C-alpha atoms as a PDB file:
ATOM      1  CA  MET A   1       8.769  12.844 -80.470  1.00  0.00           C
ATOM      2  CA  ASN A   2      11.605  14.910 -81.921  1.00  0.00           C
ATOM      3  CA  GLU A   3      14.203  12.439 -83.243  1.00  0.00           C
ATOM      4  CA  THR A   4      16.935  15.102 -83.278  1.00  0.00           C
ATOM      5  CA  ILE A   5      16.746  15.653 -79.509  1.00  0.00           C
ATOM      6  CA  LYS A   6      18.969  13.492 -77.318  1.00  0.00           C
ATOM      7  CA  LEU A   7      19.224  13.720 -73.557  1.00  0.00           C
ATOM      8  CA  GLU A   8      22.943  12.980 -73.870  1.00  0.00           C
ATOM      9  CA  ASP A   9      23.353  16.264 -75.775  1.00  0.00           C
ATOM     10  CA  TYR A  10      22.500  18.051 -72.529  1.00  0.00           C
ATOM     11  CA  GLY A  11      25.338  16.623 -70.469  1.00  0.00           C
ATOM     12  CA  PRO A  12      26.386  13.284 -68.953  1.00  0.00           C
ATOM     13  CA  VAL A  13      23.345  11.422 -67.639  1.00  0.00           C
ATOM     14  CA  PRO A  14      23.706   9.942 -64.111  1.00  0.00           C
ATOM     15  CA  ALA A  15      23.123   6.244 -63.459  1.00  0.00           C
ATOM     16  CA  THR A  16      19.411   5.490 -63.129  1.00  0.00           C
ATOM     17  CA  GLU A  17      19.329   1.691 -63.079  1.00  0.00           C
ATOM     18  CA  GLY A  18      16.503   0.330 -60.949  1.00  0.00           C
ATOM     19  CA  LEU A  19      14.731   3.676 -60.584  1.00  0.00           C
ATOM     20  CA  PRO A  20      11.107   4.129 -61.713  1.00  0.00           C
ATOM     21  CA  GLY A  21      10.405   6.344 -64.708  1.00  0.00           C
ATOM     22  CA  ILE A  22      12.817   7.732 -67.295  1.00  0.00           C
ATOM     23  CA  PRO A  23      15.616  10.286 -66.783  1.00  0.00           C
ATOM     24  CA  ALA A  24      15.303  13.930 -67.800  1.00  0.00           C
ATOM     25  CA  ARG A  25      17.158  17.204 -67.274  1.00  0.00           C
ATOM     26  CA  ILE A  26      15.379  20.388 -66.260  1.00  0.00           C
ATOM     27  CA  ILE A  27      16.052  23.216 -68.706  1.00  0.00           C
ATOM     28  CA  ALA A  28      13.669  25.888 -67.380  1.00  0.00           C
ATOM     29  CA  GLN A  29      11.561  26.616 -64.327  1.00  0.00           C
ATOM     30  CA  HIS A  30       8.335  28.628 -64.205  1.00  0.00           C
ATOM     31  CA  ARG A  31       7.002  28.620 -60.637  1.00  0.00           C
ATOM     32  CA  GLU A  32       5.512  25.126 -60.223  1.00  0.00           C
ATOM     33  CA  ARG A  33       5.957  24.044 -63.846  1.00  0.00           C
ATOM     34  CA  TYR A  34       9.175  22.787 -65.399  1.00  0.00           C
ATOM     35  CA  GLU A  35      10.491  22.414 -68.930  1.00  0.00           C
ATOM     36  CA  LEU A  36      12.797  19.467 -69.483  1.00  0.00           C
ATOM     37  CA  VAL A  37      14.471  17.289 -72.052  1.00  0.00           C
ATOM     38  CA  CYS A  38      14.235  13.508 -71.924  1.00  0.00           C
ATOM     39  CA  PRO A  39      14.719  10.521 -74.272  1.00  0.00           C
ATOM     40  CA  ARG A  40      11.293  11.328 -75.775  1.00  0.00           C
ATOM     41  CA  GLY A  41      12.250  14.931 -76.576  1.00  0.00           C
ATOM     42  CA  PHE A  42      11.147  18.172 -74.909  1.00  0.00           C
ATOM     43  CA  ALA A  43       8.367  18.044 -72.339  1.00  0.00           C
ATOM     44  CA  CYS A  44       6.733  19.932 -69.490  1.00  0.00           C
ATOM     45  CA  ALA A  45       6.226  18.510 -66.029  1.00  0.00           C
ATOM     46  CA  ARG A  46       4.997  19.138 -62.508  1.00  0.00           C
ATOM     47  CA  LEU A  47       6.166  17.693 -59.211  1.00  0.00           C
ATOM     48  CA  LYS A  48       4.653  14.559 -57.724  1.00  0.00           C
ATOM     49  CA  THR A  49       2.937  16.096 -54.723  1.00  0.00           C
ATOM     50  CA  GLY A  50       3.440  13.242 -52.275  1.00  0.00           C
ATOM     51  CA  ALA A  51       7.143  12.848 -52.981  1.00  0.00           C
ATOM     52  CA  TYR A  52       8.100  16.521 -52.789  1.00  0.00           C
ATOM     53  CA  TYR A  53       5.659  18.232 -50.466  1.00  0.00           C
ATOM     54  CA  GLY A  54       5.954  15.314 -48.090  1.00  0.00           C
ATOM     55  CA  GLY A  55       9.612  16.222 -47.609  1.00  0.00           C
ATOM     56  CA  GLU A  56      11.123  13.118 -49.184  1.00  0.00           C
ATOM     57  CA  GLU A  57      12.733  14.735 -52.238  1.00  0.00           C
ATOM     58  CA  GLN A  58      14.853  17.812 -52.864  1.00  0.00           C
ATOM     59  CA  PHE A  59      12.958  20.370 -54.908  1.00  0.00           C
ATOM     60  CA  PRO A  60      14.616  20.488 -58.340  1.00  0.00           C
ATOM     61  CA  THR A  61      16.093  23.493 -60.082  1.00  0.00           C
ATOM     62  CA  VAL A  62      17.477  24.212 -63.540  1.00  0.00           C
ATOM     63  CA  GLY A  63      20.282  21.815 -64.399  1.00  0.00           C
ATOM     64  CA  ASP A  64      18.954  19.035 -62.184  1.00  0.00           C
ATOM     65  CA  TYR A  65      18.513  15.508 -63.461  1.00  0.00           C
ATOM     66  CA  VAL A  66      15.214  13.962 -62.421  1.00  0.00           C
ATOM     67  CA  MET A  67      13.181  10.822 -62.966  1.00  0.00           C
ATOM     68  CA  ILE A  68       9.802  11.379 -64.604  1.00  0.00           C
ATOM     69  CA  ASP A  69       6.632   9.566 -65.450  1.00  0.00           C
ATOM     70  CA  TYR A  70       6.417  10.670 -69.089  1.00  0.00           C
ATOM     71  CA  ILE A  71       2.984  11.690 -70.413  1.00  0.00           C
ATOM     72  CA  GLU A  72       2.922  12.378 -74.146  1.00  0.00           C
ATOM     73  CA  ASN A  73      -0.086  14.694 -74.410  1.00  0.00           C
ATOM     74  CA  GLY A  74       0.060  16.467 -71.060  1.00  0.00           C
ATOM     75  CA  ASP A  75       2.313  17.429 -68.185  1.00  0.00           C
ATOM     76  CA  SER A  76       4.648  14.652 -67.125  1.00  0.00           C
ATOM     77  CA  GLN A  77       5.217  13.979 -63.436  1.00  0.00           C
ATOM     78  CA  ILE A  78       8.572  14.477 -61.717  1.00  0.00           C
ATOM     79  CA  LEU A  79       9.100  11.531 -59.378  1.00  0.00           C
ATOM     80  CA  ALA A  80      12.547  12.148 -57.879  1.00  0.00           C
ATOM     81  CA  THR A  81      15.606  14.398 -58.014  1.00  0.00           C
ATOM     82  CA  LEU A  82      18.852  12.593 -58.799  1.00  0.00           C
ATOM     83  CA  PRO A  83      22.057  13.262 -56.793  1.00  0.00           C
ATOM     84  CA  ARG A  84      23.793  16.518 -57.741  1.00  0.00           C
ATOM     85  CA  ARG A  85      27.431  16.987 -58.711  1.00  0.00           C
ATOM     86  CA  THR A  86      27.373  20.684 -57.885  1.00  0.00           C
ATOM     87  CA  LEU A  87      24.824  23.149 -56.531  1.00  0.00           C
ATOM     88  CA  PHE A  88      24.725  26.941 -56.278  1.00  0.00           C
ATOM     89  CA  SER A  89      22.233  28.040 -53.667  1.00  0.00           C
ATOM     90  CA  ARG A  90      21.468  31.049 -51.524  1.00  0.00           C
ATOM     91  CA  ARG A  91      19.245  31.927 -48.607  1.00  0.00           C
ATOM     92  CA  ASP A  92      15.716  32.387 -49.889  1.00  0.00           C
ATOM     93  CA  PRO A  93      15.045  36.163 -49.964  1.00  0.00           C
ATOM     94  CA  GLY A  94      11.487  35.558 -48.713  1.00  0.00           C
ATOM     95  CA  PRO A  95      10.358  35.611 -45.077  1.00  0.00           C
ATOM     96  CA  VAL A  96      10.748  31.836 -44.559  1.00  0.00           C
ATOM     97  CA  LEU A  97      14.175  30.546 -43.495  1.00  0.00           C
ATOM     98  CA  ARG A  98      15.082  28.070 -46.225  1.00  0.00           C
ATOM     99  CA  GLU A  99      17.526  27.322 -49.006  1.00  0.00           C
ATOM    100  CA  GLN A 100      16.856  28.401 -52.572  1.00  0.00           C
ATOM    101  CA  ALA A 101      18.584  26.257 -55.171  1.00  0.00           C
ATOM    102  CA  VAL A 102      19.643  28.430 -58.120  1.00  0.00           C
ATOM    103  CA  ALA A 103      21.387  25.979 -60.467  1.00  0.00           C
ATOM    104  CA  ALA A 104      22.706  22.424 -60.360  1.00  0.00           C
ATOM    105  CA  ASN A 105      25.146  20.094 -62.111  1.00  0.00           C
ATOM    106  CA  PHE A 106      27.462  22.642 -63.710  1.00  0.00           C
ATOM    107  CA  ASP A 107      31.212  22.647 -64.264  1.00  0.00           C
ATOM    108  CA  ASP A 108      32.101  26.333 -63.922  1.00  0.00           C
ATOM    109  CA  VAL A 109      30.501  29.269 -62.112  1.00  0.00           C
ATOM    110  CA  MET A 110      30.868  32.369 -64.255  1.00  0.00           C
ATOM    111  CA  ILE A 111      30.519  35.404 -61.954  1.00  0.00           C
ATOM    112  CA  LEU A 112      29.755  38.525 -63.976  1.00  0.00           C
ATOM    113  CA  GLN A 113      30.334  42.119 -62.898  1.00  0.00           C
ATOM    114  CA  SER A 114      30.383  45.015 -65.307  1.00  0.00           C
ATOM    115  CA  MET A 115      33.146  47.584 -65.419  1.00  0.00           C
ATOM    116  CA  ASN A 116      30.900  50.532 -64.607  1.00  0.00           C
ATOM    117  CA  ASN A 117      28.666  51.432 -61.657  1.00  0.00           C
ATOM    118  CA  ASN A 118      27.904  47.747 -61.030  1.00  0.00           C
ATOM    119  CA  PHE A 119      31.464  46.920 -59.970  1.00  0.00           C
ATOM    120  CA  ASN A 120      31.465  46.051 -56.259  1.00  0.00           C
ATOM    121  CA  LEU A 121      34.228  44.107 -54.501  1.00  0.00           C
ATOM    122  CA  ARG A 122      32.123  43.252 -51.454  1.00  0.00           C
ATOM    123  CA  ARG A 123      29.413  41.723 -53.662  1.00  0.00           C
ATOM    124  CA  LEU A 124      32.106  39.860 -55.575  1.00  0.00           C
ATOM    125  CA  GLU A 125      33.410  38.324 -52.336  1.00  0.00           C
ATOM    126  CA  ARG A 126      29.913  37.115 -51.496  1.00  0.00           C
ATOM    127  CA  TYR A 127      29.464  35.500 -54.909  1.00  0.00           C
ATOM    128  CA  LEU A 128      32.875  33.849 -54.619  1.00  0.00           C
ATOM    129  CA  ALA A 129      32.101  32.298 -51.239  1.00  0.00           C
ATOM    130  CA  LEU A 130      28.913  30.709 -52.556  1.00  0.00           C
ATOM    131  CA  ALA A 131      30.572  29.704 -55.832  1.00  0.00           C
ATOM    132  CA  ARG A 132      33.341  27.868 -53.979  1.00  0.00           C
ATOM    133  CA  GLN A 133      30.739  26.250 -51.735  1.00  0.00           C
ATOM    134  CA  SER A 134      28.976  24.921 -54.851  1.00  0.00           C
ATOM    135  CA  GLY A 135      31.801  22.487 -55.619  1.00  0.00           C
ATOM    136  CA  ALA A 136      32.535  23.931 -59.062  1.00  0.00           C
ATOM    137  CA  ARG A 137      35.301  26.194 -60.346  1.00  0.00           C
ATOM    138  CA  PRO A 138      34.630  29.943 -60.059  1.00  0.00           C
ATOM    139  CA  VAL A 139      35.587  32.212 -62.955  1.00  0.00           C
ATOM    140  CA  ILE A 140      35.209  36.005 -62.853  1.00  0.00           C
ATOM    141  CA  LEU A 141      34.100  37.831 -65.993  1.00  0.00           C
ATOM    142  CA  LEU A 142      34.338  41.610 -65.934  1.00  0.00           C
ATOM    143  CA  THR A 143      31.917  42.683 -68.641  1.00  0.00           C
ATOM    144  CA  LYS A 144      31.291  45.797 -70.732  1.00  0.00           C
ATOM    145  CA  GLY A 145      34.964  46.403 -71.378  1.00  0.00           C
ATOM    146  CA  ASP A 146      33.933  48.861 -74.084  1.00  0.00           C
ATOM    147  CA  LEU A 147      32.695  51.182 -71.310  1.00  0.00           C
ATOM    148  CA  ALA A 148      35.893  51.052 -69.238  1.00  0.00           C
ATOM    149  CA  GLU A 149      38.742  53.492 -69.797  1.00  0.00           C
ATOM    150  CA  ASP A 150      41.254  51.020 -68.359  1.00  0.00           C
ATOM    151  CA  PRO A 151      40.051  47.407 -67.820  1.00  0.00           C
ATOM    152  CA  ALA A 152      43.395  46.568 -66.186  1.00  0.00           C
ATOM    153  CA  LEU A 153      42.453  48.661 -63.137  1.00  0.00           C
ATOM    154  CA  TYR A 154      39.326  46.580 -62.594  1.00  0.00           C
ATOM    155  CA  LEU A 155      41.272  43.349 -63.053  1.00  0.00           C
ATOM    156  CA  GLU A 156      43.810  44.431 -60.441  1.00  0.00           C
ATOM    157  CA  GLN A 157      41.095  45.206 -57.894  1.00  0.00           C
ATOM    158  CA  ALA A 158      39.279  41.927 -58.516  1.00  0.00           C
ATOM    159  CA  ALA A 159      42.519  39.946 -58.282  1.00  0.00           C
ATOM    160  CA  ARG A 160      43.129  41.276 -54.758  1.00  0.00           C
ATOM    161  CA  VAL A 161      39.910  39.718 -53.451  1.00  0.00           C
ATOM    162  CA  ALA A 162      40.016  36.602 -55.638  1.00  0.00           C
ATOM    163  CA  PRO A 163      43.536  35.133 -55.462  1.00  0.00           C
ATOM    164  CA  GLY A 164      43.933  32.092 -57.677  1.00  0.00           C
ATOM    165  CA  VAL A 165      40.656  32.650 -59.529  1.00  0.00           C
ATOM    166  CA  ASP A 166      40.627  33.018 -63.325  1.00  0.00           C
ATOM    167  CA  LEU A 167      39.841  36.609 -64.328  1.00  0.00           C
ATOM    168  CA  HIS A 168      38.762  37.899 -67.734  1.00  0.00           C
ATOM    169  CA  ALA A 169      37.881  41.380 -68.953  1.00  0.00           C
ATOM    170  CA  ILE A 170      35.466  41.122 -71.872  1.00  0.00           C
ATOM    171  CA  SER A 171      32.962  42.977 -74.023  1.00  0.00           C
ATOM    172  CA  ALA A 172      30.073  41.107 -75.618  1.00  0.00           C
ATOM    173  CA  ARG A 173      29.420  44.171 -77.765  1.00  0.00           C
ATOM    174  CA  THR A 174      32.866  44.405 -79.399  1.00  0.00           C
ATOM    175  CA  GLY A 175      34.139  40.853 -78.879  1.00  0.00           C
ATOM    176  CA  PHE A 176      37.024  42.084 -76.722  1.00  0.00           C
ATOM    177  CA  GLY A 177      38.448  39.247 -74.597  1.00  0.00           C
ATOM    178  CA  LEU A 178      36.007  36.551 -75.762  1.00  0.00           C
ATOM    179  CA  ASP A 179      38.793  34.410 -77.245  1.00  0.00           C
ATOM    180  CA  GLY A 180      40.100  33.953 -73.713  1.00  0.00           C
ATOM    181  CA  LEU A 181      36.911  32.068 -72.796  1.00  0.00           C
ATOM    182  CA  ARG A 182      37.459  29.249 -75.283  1.00  0.00           C
ATOM    183  CA  PRO A 183      38.989  26.837 -72.708  1.00  0.00           C
ATOM    184  CA  TYR A 184      35.684  26.841 -70.810  1.00  0.00           C
ATOM    185  CA  LEU A 185      33.482  26.424 -73.885  1.00  0.00           C
ATOM    186  CA  GLN A 186      33.682  22.659 -74.345  1.00  0.00           C
ATOM    187  CA  PRO A 187      30.802  20.584 -75.782  1.00  0.00           C
ATOM    188  CA  GLY A 188      28.806  18.878 -73.059  1.00  0.00           C
ATOM    189  CA  LYS A 189      30.126  21.190 -70.321  1.00  0.00           C
ATOM    190  CA  THR A 190      27.653  23.256 -68.335  1.00  0.00           C
ATOM    191  CA  LEU A 191      28.374  26.842 -67.257  1.00  0.00           C
ATOM    192  CA  VAL A 192      26.178  28.902 -64.962  1.00  0.00           C
ATOM    193  CA  PHE A 193      26.082  32.689 -65.445  1.00  0.00           C
ATOM    194  CA  LEU A 194      25.503  34.657 -62.236  1.00  0.00           C
ATOM    195  CA  GLY A 195      25.408  38.370 -61.527  1.00  0.00           C
ATOM    196  CA  SER A 196      23.252  41.356 -60.763  1.00  0.00           C
ATOM    197  CA  SER A 197      20.682  42.734 -63.184  1.00  0.00           C
ATOM    198  CA  GLY A 198      22.144  44.485 -66.164  1.00  0.00           C
ATOM    199  CA  VAL A 199      25.691  43.050 -66.111  1.00  0.00           C
ATOM    200  CA  GLY A 200      25.257  41.662 -69.616  1.00  0.00           C
ATOM    201  CA  LYS A 201      24.555  37.956 -69.109  1.00  0.00           C
ATOM    202  CA  SER A 202      22.088  37.752 -71.994  1.00  0.00           C
ATOM    203  CA  SER A 203      24.370  39.767 -74.288  1.00  0.00           C
ATOM    204  CA  LEU A 204      27.229  37.403 -73.518  1.00  0.00           C
ATOM    205  CA  VAL A 205      25.080  34.354 -74.242  1.00  0.00           C
ATOM    206  CA  ASN A 206      24.216  35.826 -77.651  1.00  0.00           C
ATOM    207  CA  ALA A 207      27.846  36.662 -78.379  1.00  0.00           C
ATOM    208  CA  LEU A 208      29.006  33.132 -77.529  1.00  0.00           C
ATOM    209  CA  ALA A 209      26.123  31.572 -79.465  1.00  0.00           C
ATOM    210  CA  GLY A 210      26.715  33.701 -82.538  1.00  0.00           C
ATOM    211  CA  GLU A 211      22.969  34.337 -82.762  1.00  0.00           C
ATOM    212  CA  GLU A 212      20.184  36.172 -80.924  1.00  0.00           C
ATOM    213  CA  LEU A 213      19.045  33.590 -78.381  1.00  0.00           C
ATOM    214  CA  MET A 214      18.223  36.060 -75.612  1.00  0.00           C
ATOM    215  CA  THR A 215      16.445  39.398 -75.507  1.00  0.00           C
ATOM    216  CA  THR A 216      18.755  42.137 -74.296  1.00  0.00           C
ATOM    217  CA  GLY A 217      18.132  45.552 -72.799  1.00  0.00           C
ATOM    218  CA  GLY A 218      19.812  48.855 -73.447  1.00  0.00           C
ATOM    219  CA  ILE A 219      21.897  50.992 -71.103  1.00  0.00           C
ATOM    220  CA  ARG A 220      20.070  53.444 -68.835  1.00  0.00           C
ATOM    221  CA  GLU A 221      21.559  56.896 -69.066  1.00  0.00           C
ATOM    222  CA  THR A 222      20.755  57.641 -65.406  1.00  0.00           C
ATOM    223  CA  ASP A 223      23.072  55.064 -63.847  1.00  0.00           C
ATOM    224  CA  ASP A 224      25.011  53.424 -66.693  1.00  0.00           C
ATOM    225  CA  ARG A 225      23.389  50.046 -65.972  1.00  0.00           C
ATOM    226  CA  GLY A 226      21.734  47.604 -68.313  1.00  0.00           C
ATOM    227  CA  ARG A 227      18.050  46.861 -68.093  1.00  0.00           C
ATOM    228  CA  HIS A 228      16.971  43.553 -66.578  1.00  0.00           C
ATOM    229  CA  THR A 229      15.942  41.093 -69.320  1.00  0.00           C
ATOM    230  CA  THR A 230      16.152  37.481 -68.053  1.00  0.00           C
ATOM    231  CA  THR A 231      12.954  36.618 -66.185  1.00  0.00           C
ATOM    232  CA  HIS A 232      13.523  32.971 -65.245  1.00  0.00           C
ATOM    233  CA  ARG A 233      16.320  30.462 -64.935  1.00  0.00           C
ATOM    234  CA  GLN A 234      16.954  28.435 -68.070  1.00  0.00           C
ATOM    235  CA  LEU A 235      19.485  26.060 -69.560  1.00  0.00           C
ATOM    236  CA  LEU A 236      20.472  26.807 -73.147  1.00  0.00           C
ATOM    237  CA  ARG A 237      22.357  24.561 -75.548  1.00  0.00           C
ATOM    238  CA  LEU A 238      24.505  26.407 -78.073  1.00  0.00           C
ATOM    239  CA  LYS A 239      25.177  24.998 -81.543  1.00  0.00           C
ATOM    240  CA  SER A 240      28.713  24.281 -80.347  1.00  0.00           C
ATOM    241  CA  GLY A 241      27.339  21.882 -77.730  1.00  0.00           C
ATOM    242  CA  VAL A 242      28.138  24.203 -74.825  1.00  0.00           C
ATOM    243  CA  LEU A 243      25.441  24.349 -72.145  1.00  0.00           C
ATOM    244  CA  ILE A 244      24.743  27.618 -70.330  1.00  0.00           C
ATOM    245  CA  ILE A 245      22.432  28.174 -67.375  1.00  0.00           C
ATOM    246  CA  ASP A 246      21.319  31.797 -67.517  1.00  0.00           C
ATOM    247  CA  THR A 247      19.813  33.257 -64.355  1.00  0.00           C
ATOM    248  CA  PRO A 248      17.878  36.443 -63.567  1.00  0.00           C
ATOM    249  CA  GLY A 249      19.818  39.169 -61.788  1.00  0.00           C
ATOM    250  CA  MET A 250      19.813  38.700 -58.011  1.00  0.00           C
ATOM    251  CA  ARG A 251      19.325  41.780 -55.854  1.00  0.00           C
ATOM    252  CA  THR A 252      20.086  39.886 -52.655  1.00  0.00           C
ATOM    253  CA  LEU A 253      22.514  37.033 -52.158  1.00  0.00           C
ATOM    254  CA  GLY A 254      22.186  35.692 -48.648  1.00  0.00           C
ATOM    255  CA  LEU A 255      24.671  33.057 -47.536  1.00  0.00           C
ATOM    256  CA  TRP A 256      23.449  29.515 -47.057  1.00  0.00           C
ATOM    257  CA  GLU A 257      25.724  27.139 -45.123  1.00  0.00           C
ATOM    258  CA  ALA A 258      28.809  28.517 -46.841  1.00  0.00           C
ATOM    259  CA  ALA A 259      31.455  27.936 -44.156  1.00  0.00           C
ATOM    260  CA  GLU A 260      33.789  26.034 -46.474  1.00  0.00           C
ATOM    261  CA  GLY A 261      33.299  28.569 -49.235  1.00  0.00           C
ATOM    262  CA  LEU A 262      34.206  31.423 -46.881  1.00  0.00           C
ATOM    263  CA  GLU A 263      37.306  29.636 -45.664  1.00  0.00           C
ATOM    264  CA  SER A 264      38.609  28.983 -49.181  1.00  0.00           C
ATOM    265  CA  SER A 265      37.677  32.478 -50.397  1.00  0.00           C
ATOM    266  CA  PHE A 266      39.398  34.285 -47.525  1.00  0.00           C
ATOM    267  CA  GLY A 267      42.631  32.343 -47.236  1.00  0.00           C
ATOM    268  CA  ASP A 268      44.545  35.616 -46.904  1.00  0.00           C
ATOM    269  CA  VAL A 269      42.518  36.392 -43.764  1.00  0.00           C
ATOM    270  CA  GLU A 270      42.350  32.880 -42.353  1.00  0.00           C
ATOM    271  CA  ARG A 271      46.156  32.583 -42.198  1.00  0.00           C
ATOM    272  CA  PHE A 272      46.268  35.156 -39.404  1.00  0.00           C
ATOM    273  CA  LEU A 273      43.509  33.595 -37.320  1.00  0.00           C
ATOM    274  CA  GLY A 274      44.601  31.609 -34.283  1.00  0.00           C
ATOM    275  CA  LYS A 275      47.877  33.528 -33.998  1.00  0.00           C
ATOM    276  CA  CYS A 276      46.730  36.135 -31.497  1.00  0.00           C
ATOM    277  CA  ARG A 277      48.184  36.214 -27.976  1.00  0.00           C
ATOM    278  CA  PHE A 278      44.806  35.394 -26.467  1.00  0.00           C
ATOM    279  CA  SER A 279      42.625  32.573 -27.760  1.00  0.00           C
ATOM    280  CA  ASP A 280      39.456  34.616 -27.147  1.00  0.00           C
ATOM    281  CA  CYS A 281      40.776  37.710 -28.941  1.00  0.00           C
ATOM    282  CA  ARG A 282      37.986  39.795 -30.458  1.00  0.00           C
ATOM    283  CA  HIS A 283      40.465  41.547 -32.768  1.00  0.00           C
ATOM    284  CA  GLU A 284      39.568  44.978 -31.464  1.00  0.00           C
ATOM    285  CA  ARG A 285      41.902  46.500 -28.849  1.00  0.00           C
ATOM    286  CA  GLU A 286      43.422  43.412 -27.269  1.00  0.00           C
ATOM    287  CA  PRO A 287      47.243  43.337 -27.051  1.00  0.00           C
ATOM    288  CA  GLY A 288      49.000  40.853 -29.290  1.00  0.00           C
ATOM    289  CA  CYS A 289      46.223  40.723 -31.898  1.00  0.00           C
ATOM    290  CA  ALA A 290      47.636  39.162 -35.062  1.00  0.00           C
ATOM    291  CA  ILE A 291      44.855  40.598 -37.222  1.00  0.00           C
ATOM    292  CA  ARG A 292      45.429  44.207 -36.100  1.00  0.00           C
ATOM    293  CA  ALA A 293      49.172  43.752 -36.464  1.00  0.00           C
ATOM    294  CA  ALA A 294      48.774  42.443 -40.022  1.00  0.00           C
ATOM    295  CA  ILE A 295      46.544  45.400 -40.957  1.00  0.00           C
ATOM    296  CA  ALA A 296      49.028  47.884 -39.446  1.00  0.00           C
ATOM    297  CA  ALA A 297      51.890  46.235 -41.347  1.00  0.00           C
ATOM    298  CA  GLY A 298      50.010  46.366 -44.633  1.00  0.00           C
ATOM    299  CA  GLU A 299      49.850  42.561 -44.851  1.00  0.00           C
ATOM    300  CA  LEU A 300      46.053  42.512 -44.639  1.00  0.00           C
ATOM    301  CA  ASP A 301      43.578  44.969 -46.147  1.00  0.00           C
ATOM    302  CA  ALA A 302      41.280  46.474 -43.504  1.00  0.00           C
ATOM    303  CA  ALA A 303      38.248  46.474 -45.842  1.00  0.00           C
ATOM    304  CA  ARG A 304      38.902  42.827 -46.621  1.00  0.00           C
ATOM    305  CA  TRP A 305      38.944  41.997 -42.896  1.00  0.00           C
ATOM    306  CA  GLU A 306      35.686  43.858 -42.259  1.00  0.00           C
ATOM    307  CA  SER A 307      34.024  42.049 -45.145  1.00  0.00           C
ATOM    308  CA  TYR A 308      35.182  38.706 -43.737  1.00  0.00           C
ATOM    309  CA  ARG A 309      33.832  39.596 -40.287  1.00  0.00           C
ATOM    310  CA  LYS A 310      30.469  40.579 -41.736  1.00  0.00           C
ATOM    311  CA  LEU A 311      30.112  37.391 -43.765  1.00  0.00           C
ATOM    312  CA  GLN A 312      31.254  35.227 -40.860  1.00  0.00           C
ATOM    313  CA  ALA A 313      28.710  36.873 -38.582  1.00  0.00           C
ATOM    314  CA  GLU A 314      25.991  36.296 -41.173  1.00  0.00           C
ATOM    315  CA  GLU A 315      26.986  32.634 -41.488  1.00  0.00           C
ATOM    316  CA  ALA A 316      27.054  32.173 -37.708  1.00  0.00           C
ATOM    317  CA  GLY A 317      23.621  33.796 -37.407  1.00  0.00           C
ATOM    318  CA  LEU A 318      22.266  31.469 -40.080  1.00  0.00           C
ATOM    319  CA  GLU A 319      23.675  28.394 -38.331  1.00  0.00           C
ATOM    320  CA  GLU A 320      22.058  29.429 -35.054  1.00  0.00           C
ATOM    321  CA  ALA A 321      18.725  30.116 -36.755  1.00  0.00           C
ATOM    322  CA  LEU A 322      18.833  26.716 -38.450  1.00  0.00           C
ATOM    323  CA  ARG A 323      19.692  25.051 -35.144  1.00  0.00           C
ATOM    324  CA  ARG A 324      16.660  26.669 -33.503  1.00  0.00           C
ATOM    325  CA  LYS A 325      14.458  25.692 -36.431  1.00  0.00           C
ATOM    326  CA  ARG A 326      15.588  22.057 -36.248  1.00  0.00           C
ATOM    327  CA  GLU A 327      15.040  22.014 -32.484  1.00  0.00           C
ATOM    328  CA  TRP A 328      11.547  23.471 -32.928  1.00  0.00           C
ATOM    329  CA  SER A 329      10.730  20.832 -35.567  1.00  0.00           C
ATOM    330  CA  LYS A 330      11.909  18.063 -33.245  1.00  0.00           C
ATOM    331  CA  ASN A 331       9.744  19.380 -30.427  1.00  0.00           C
ATOM    332  CA  VAL A 332       6.699  19.651 -32.676  1.00  0.00           C
ATOM    333  CA  ALA A 333       7.238  16.088 -33.896  1.00  0.00           C
ATOM    334  CA  LYS A 334       7.609  14.861 -30.321  1.00  0.00           C
ATOM    335  CA  ILE A 335       4.367  16.581 -29.263  1.00  0.00           C
ATOM    336  CA  ASN A 336       2.525  15.101 -32.253  1.00  0.00           C
ATOM    337  CA  ARG A 337       3.768  11.613 -31.383  1.00  0.00           C
ATOM    338  CA  GLN A 338       2.633  12.047 -27.802  1.00  0.00           C
ATOM    339  CA  ARG A 339      -0.792  13.233 -28.942  1.00  0.00           C
ATOM    340  CA  LYS A 340      -1.211  10.245 -31.227  1.00  0.00           C
ATOM    341  CA  LYS A 341      -0.125   7.885 -28.457  1.00  0.00           C
ATOM    342  CA  SER A 342      -2.569   9.524 -26.040  1.00  0.00           C
ATOM    343  CA  ALA A 343      -5.391   9.302 -28.586  1.00  0.00           C
ATOM    344  CA  ARG A 344      -4.778   5.566 -29.073  1.00  0.00           C
ATOM    345  CA  THR A 345      -4.760   5.048 -25.287  1.00  0.00           C
ATOM    346  CA  ASP A 346      -8.087   6.865 -24.949  1.00  0.00           C
ATOM    347  CA  GLU A 347      -9.624   4.690 -27.660  1.00  0.00           C
ATOM    348  CA  ASP A 348      -8.529   1.548 -25.836  1.00  0.00           C
END
């Protein structure tokens, strides 16, 4: 046991009275094996098969608090996932329709985009919708300010699609803008860093830590992007007591039940909805369309409207797919019950 390690150093521990096992927080995930910190120090663990694969428990992710059966000289067993304060999740990029939890129990979502070829407003809108859905505060960090001729131009563009969201232009390489991040860097607070590959997440972690905690990649000359370095999600504790969840770059970011996040992220669009002459207006060529009128008057950006429509359609498609999946599961369960009942009748 490492006497210098305290679970409390990794954030406020939820109430666990009456629950079996001891509490722990997951600090890294490697497929089916987890690294965690608990009152006994650092440990590795695997899921209790019956509890998780039987559908009773939510599969944990980095940042989650769990209850474990601690085993000193082997892998401990994760018994249950404790309730989450916040959760960032996306649609699993694989072929199966399901949610993929990315990070849990954080205070701020730091969305990183670099001020070079990576900068993409439509991708930023997608991240913002899911960040708002998570229940935490979104913060936008525009990285690699040393590569931008005029960072203010990038800030202006980002501000148009993220009204009310804190924006910072920074450079981990030169230290430009890092002082502006101090209000978020409080001991015991957990931040999650999200962004595409090569935006400089690992470099920023090192800059904030004041030491080389993460391996970083160089800049490719072909497309001005950084090389992907983070290979798995992990929670890091800086000497200052700040906790950072670093995540691998995500090529795809499918929405997952993000209706509330979309509504709060597109308030400038939502204010025109419901004001058309006809309640079933498709916002195309119908007379009295409030959306088309707002675009013509310069009150609503056309690209912003198209992005909203695309994300709304994706969310609606997901909801319908989930409805069909739930209905299918109910039917399968009903058939299985009938089969069991029939089998018992035959035995009698």
